[in-house]
Structure formats: C-alpha cells, structure tokens
Amino acid sequence: MTSNAENEFLSNAQKEIKRRIKNENKELETLHVEEKELTDAIKGYSDFSTELKKFLEESSKDFNLDIDELPRYFKSNINEVYRNYVQIRQDALDEIQVMEKYVIKNKRQLKDTERTLKFYRSQYMDSDFFEECLPLVELYEEKIRIYQNNEKNTLVIIEKLKEIIRALKDWK
C-alpha cells in the first residue's frame, strides 16, 4: 500500500471506530435503562405478591373461608374485586409471554455482541493500529455483562409473576 492509501485506510478505520463507540454508548444507555426497569419490576412484583398473599389470608380470616373458597365468594358477593383479580391473573400470564420474548431477544443480542467482541478483541491483540479498539472491547464487555444481568432479572420477574398466578389459580 502507498503511504496515502495507508493514511486513508487508517483515517477511515479510526472514523469507523469512533462511530461505533458513539453508537455503542447509545445502546449501552438504553441497556442501563432496561436494567433499572427490570430491577424496579422485581421489587414491584415482589411487593405485590406479598400484599396479594396477605390480602388473601386476611380475607380468608375475615370471611371465615378457606383461601380456595375466596374466588367463589368474591364472585358472588363482591364481583368487582373478583373481576380485578381475574384481570390481574390474566395480565400476569400476558406479561410472562412478553418476558419470555424479551429473554429470546436478549440471548440473540448477547450472542451477536459476543461475536463482535471476539472480532474487536482479536484486532486489539493482533495489531498496533487496533489499539484504538480497546474502548470498543470495553464497551462490548459491559454490554455482555448487562445482557446477562438483564436475562437473570427477567427470569426472576417471570418467577414472581408465576407466584402471583399460583396465588390466583382459581380466579378465572
């Protein structure tokens, strides 16, 4: 390669790396937001599950019924509450489907990021020029960590939703 061609190649590669860093930082911000939302959802669903179980136990005592008898009682006597809990159960079932799709999408993105990391890591290791790839390598490593954490948190959310569904198993 001529000196001009090398300089042009180097300049184009540097621009590409800077563009990728900018794009990856934007994606990383989005992933951090998702990570926070998932963490908040875990707390929200945990609190709701605890309150739901408490409500069912207290209602059982208040109405002198077994917990299994509550759906029939509410359907006959307090239909609005019954419908609300039927809807909550259905919403939990729907949310599990959304979360399962998110896990699949997350796994696909994780695999893509791992492949990209492997490429840039090899470039970083194999060439003096690609020392500029180090920031990208670090960004991809952070993305992988967040993808893995988001998957773990999503699975925790699915379990919390299943707890809610189990508590409302007869509310159909």
Protein backbone atom coordinates (compact mmCIF):
# COMPACT_ATOMS: atom_id res chain seq x y z
CA MET A 1 0.00 0.00 0.00
CA THR A 2 1.19 3.50 -0.70
CA SER A 3 1.61 5.96 2.12
CA ASN A 4 -1.51 7.88 1.04
CA ALA A 5 -3.55 4.68 0.83
CA GLU A 6 -2.34 3.62 4.29
CA ASN A 7 -3.21 7.03 5.74
CA GLU A 8 -6.65 6.94 4.13
CA PHE A 9 -7.27 3.41 5.41
CA LEU A 10 -6.12 4.43 8.88
CA SER A 11 -8.30 7.55 8.84
CA ASN A 12 -11.37 5.59 7.68
CA ALA A 13 -10.80 2.89 10.28
CA GLN A 14 -10.46 5.48 13.04
CA LYS A 15 -13.69 7.18 11.92
CA GLU A 16 -15.47 3.82 11.89
CA ILE A 17 -14.27 3.01 15.39
CA LYS A 18 -15.36 6.44 16.68
CA ARG A 19 -18.77 5.98 15.02
CA ARG A 20 -19.13 2.54 16.59
CA ILE A 21 -18.13 3.85 20.01
CA LYS A 22 -20.78 6.56 19.74
CA ASN A 23 -23.46 4.05 18.68
CA GLU A 24 -22.46 1.52 21.32
CA ASN A 25 -22.59 4.17 24.03
CA LYS A 26 -26.17 4.99 22.99
CA GLU A 27 -27.10 1.31 23.10
CA LEU A 28 -25.40 0.96 26.45
CA GLU A 29 -27.50 3.81 27.84
CA THR A 30 -30.64 2.03 26.66
CA LEU A 31 -29.47 -1.21 28.26
CA HIS A 32 -28.82 0.58 31.55
CA VAL A 33 -32.39 1.94 31.46
CA GLU A 34 -33.73 -1.59 30.81
CA GLU A 35 -31.58 -2.91 33.65
CA LYS A 36 -33.06 -0.34 36.06
CA GLU A 37 -36.60 -1.03 34.85
CA LEU A 38 -36.13 -4.75 35.39
CA THR A 39 -34.71 -4.19 38.88
CA ASP A 40 -37.66 -1.94 39.74
CA ALA A 41 -40.09 -4.51 38.31
CA ILE A 42 -38.63 -7.24 40.53
CA LYS A 43 -39.28 -5.11 43.58
CA GLY A 44 -42.75 -4.13 42.38
CA TYR A 45 -43.84 -7.69 41.63
CA SER A 46 -42.31 -8.97 44.88
CA ASP A 47 -44.17 -6.34 46.89
CA PHE A 48 -47.40 -7.03 45.01
CA SER A 49 -47.07 -10.78 45.54
CA THR A 50 -46.53 -10.26 49.28
CA GLU A 51 -49.51 -7.90 49.53
CA LEU A 52 -51.69 -10.24 47.49
CA LYS A 53 -50.93 -13.20 49.76
CA LYS A 54 -51.57 -11.01 52.79
CA PHE A 55 -54.90 -9.84 51.34
CA LEU A 56 -55.99 -13.40 50.60
CA GLU A 57 -55.05 -14.59 54.08
CA GLU A 58 -56.81 -11.66 55.76
CA SER A 59 -59.89 -12.11 53.57
CA SER A 60 -59.93 -15.79 54.44
CA LYS A 61 -59.95 -14.93 58.13
CA ASP A 62 -62.41 -12.04 57.77
CA PHE A 63 -64.96 -14.13 55.87
CA ASN A 64 -64.18 -17.34 57.73
CA LEU A 65 -63.40 -19.19 54.47
CA ASP A 66 -60.56 -21.27 53.11
CA ILE A 67 -58.39 -19.39 50.63
CA ASP A 68 -59.61 -21.79 47.93
CA GLU A 69 -63.19 -20.68 48.60
CA LEU A 70 -62.47 -16.97 48.18
CA PRO A 71 -62.89 -16.79 44.39
CA ARG A 72 -66.45 -18.15 44.57
CA TYR A 73 -67.29 -15.89 47.48
CA PHE A 74 -65.97 -12.77 45.79
CA LYS A 75 -67.64 -13.67 42.50
CA SER A 76 -71.00 -13.96 44.27
CA ASN A 77 -70.69 -11.09 46.74
CA ILE A 78 -68.00 -8.64 45.65
CA ASN A 79 -67.89 -9.12 41.90
CA GLU A 80 -65.78 -6.04 41.13
CA VAL A 81 -62.92 -7.30 43.32
CA TYR A 82 -63.27 -10.72 41.75
CA ARG A 83 -63.02 -9.27 38.23
CA ASN A 84 -60.00 -7.19 39.23
CA TYR A 85 -58.13 -10.26 40.44
CA VAL A 86 -59.14 -12.26 37.37
CA GLN A 87 -57.68 -9.44 35.27
CA ILE A 88 -54.51 -9.31 37.37
CA ARG A 89 -54.03 -13.03 36.82
CA GLN A 90 -54.54 -12.62 33.06
CA ASP A 91 -52.16 -9.65 32.97
CA ALA A 92 -49.52 -11.75 34.74
CA LEU A 93 -49.94 -14.52 32.16
CA ASP A 94 -49.61 -11.98 29.34
CA GLU A 95 -46.56 -10.38 30.95
CA ILE A 96 -44.83 -13.76 31.18
CA GLN A 97 -45.17 -14.12 27.41
CA VAL A 98 -43.66 -10.67 26.91
CA MET A 99 -40.81 -11.50 29.28
CA GLU A 100 -40.12 -14.82 27.53
CA LYS A 101 -39.86 -13.00 24.19
CA TYR A 102 -37.53 -10.47 25.81
CA VAL A 103 -35.28 -13.30 27.02
CA ILE A 104 -35.09 -14.72 23.49
CA LYS A 105 -34.28 -11.30 22.01
CA ASN A 106 -31.74 -10.68 24.78
CA LYS A 107 -29.99 -14.02 24.11
CA ARG A 108 -29.76 -13.22 20.39
CA GLN A 109 -28.27 -9.80 21.11
CA LEU A 110 -25.87 -11.33 23.61
CA LYS A 111 -24.60 -13.80 21.00
CA ASP A 112 -24.16 -11.00 18.43
CA THR A 113 -22.28 -8.89 20.95
CA GLU A 114 -20.05 -11.82 21.93
CA ARG A 115 -19.13 -12.36 18.27
CA THR A 116 -18.41 -8.67 17.78
CA LEU A 117 -16.34 -8.58 20.97
CA LYS A 118 -14.35 -11.55 19.77
CA PHE A 119 -13.58 -9.74 16.49
CA TYR A 120 -12.51 -6.48 18.12
CA ARG A 121 -10.58 -8.24 20.84
CA SER A 122 -8.62 -10.16 18.19
CA GLN A 123 -7.98 -6.90 16.32
CA TYR A 124 -6.84 -5.26 19.52
CA MET A 125 -4.50 -8.15 20.32
CA ASP A 126 -3.10 -8.62 16.80
CA SER A 127 -2.18 -5.14 15.65
CA ASP A 128 -0.69 -1.91 16.91
CA PHE A 129 -3.23 0.12 14.96
CA PHE A 130 -6.18 -1.56 16.56
CA GLU A 131 -5.09 -0.41 19.99
CA GLU A 132 -7.83 2.10 19.32
CA CYS A 133 -10.23 -0.83 19.55
CA LEU A 134 -9.72 -1.09 23.31
CA PRO A 135 -12.62 1.29 24.14
CA LEU A 136 -14.88 -0.83 21.93
CA VAL A 137 -13.72 -4.00 23.61
CA GLU A 138 -14.57 -2.49 26.98
CA LEU A 139 -17.98 -1.33 25.75
CA TYR A 140 -18.82 -4.78 24.40
CA GLU A 141 -17.71 -6.41 27.65
CA GLU A 142 -20.03 -4.05 29.56
CA LYS A 143 -22.91 -4.80 27.16
CA ILE A 144 -22.40 -8.52 27.69
CA ARG A 145 -22.48 -8.06 31.46
CA ILE A 146 -25.72 -6.09 31.22
CA TYR A 147 -27.34 -8.58 28.80
CA GLN A 148 -26.52 -11.40 31.22
CA ASN A 149 -27.83 -9.42 34.19
CA ASN A 150 -31.00 -8.45 32.33
CA GLU A 151 -31.66 -12.07 31.43
CA LYS A 152 -31.18 -13.11 35.05
CA ASN A 153 -33.51 -10.33 36.24
CA THR A 154 -36.11 -11.22 33.63
CA LEU A 155 -36.14 -14.82 34.83
CA VAL A 156 -36.64 -13.56 38.40
CA ILE A 157 -39.59 -11.45 37.19
CA ILE A 158 -41.11 -14.49 35.47
CA GLU A 159 -40.88 -16.39 38.76
CA LYS A 160 -42.54 -13.52 40.63
CA LEU A 161 -45.34 -13.46 38.06
CA LYS A 162 -45.77 -17.21 38.45
CA GLU A 163 -46.13 -16.70 42.22
CA ILE A 164 -48.94 -14.24 41.55
CA ILE A 165 -50.60 -16.66 39.13
CA ARG A 166 -50.32 -19.51 41.65
CA ALA A 167 -51.91 -17.33 44.33
CA LEU A 168 -54.76 -16.55 41.91
CA LYS A 169 -55.02 -20.03 40.38
CA ASP A 170 -58.77 -20.31 40.97
CA TRP A 171 -59.59 -16.75 39.91
CA LYS A 172 -60.70 -17.47 36.34
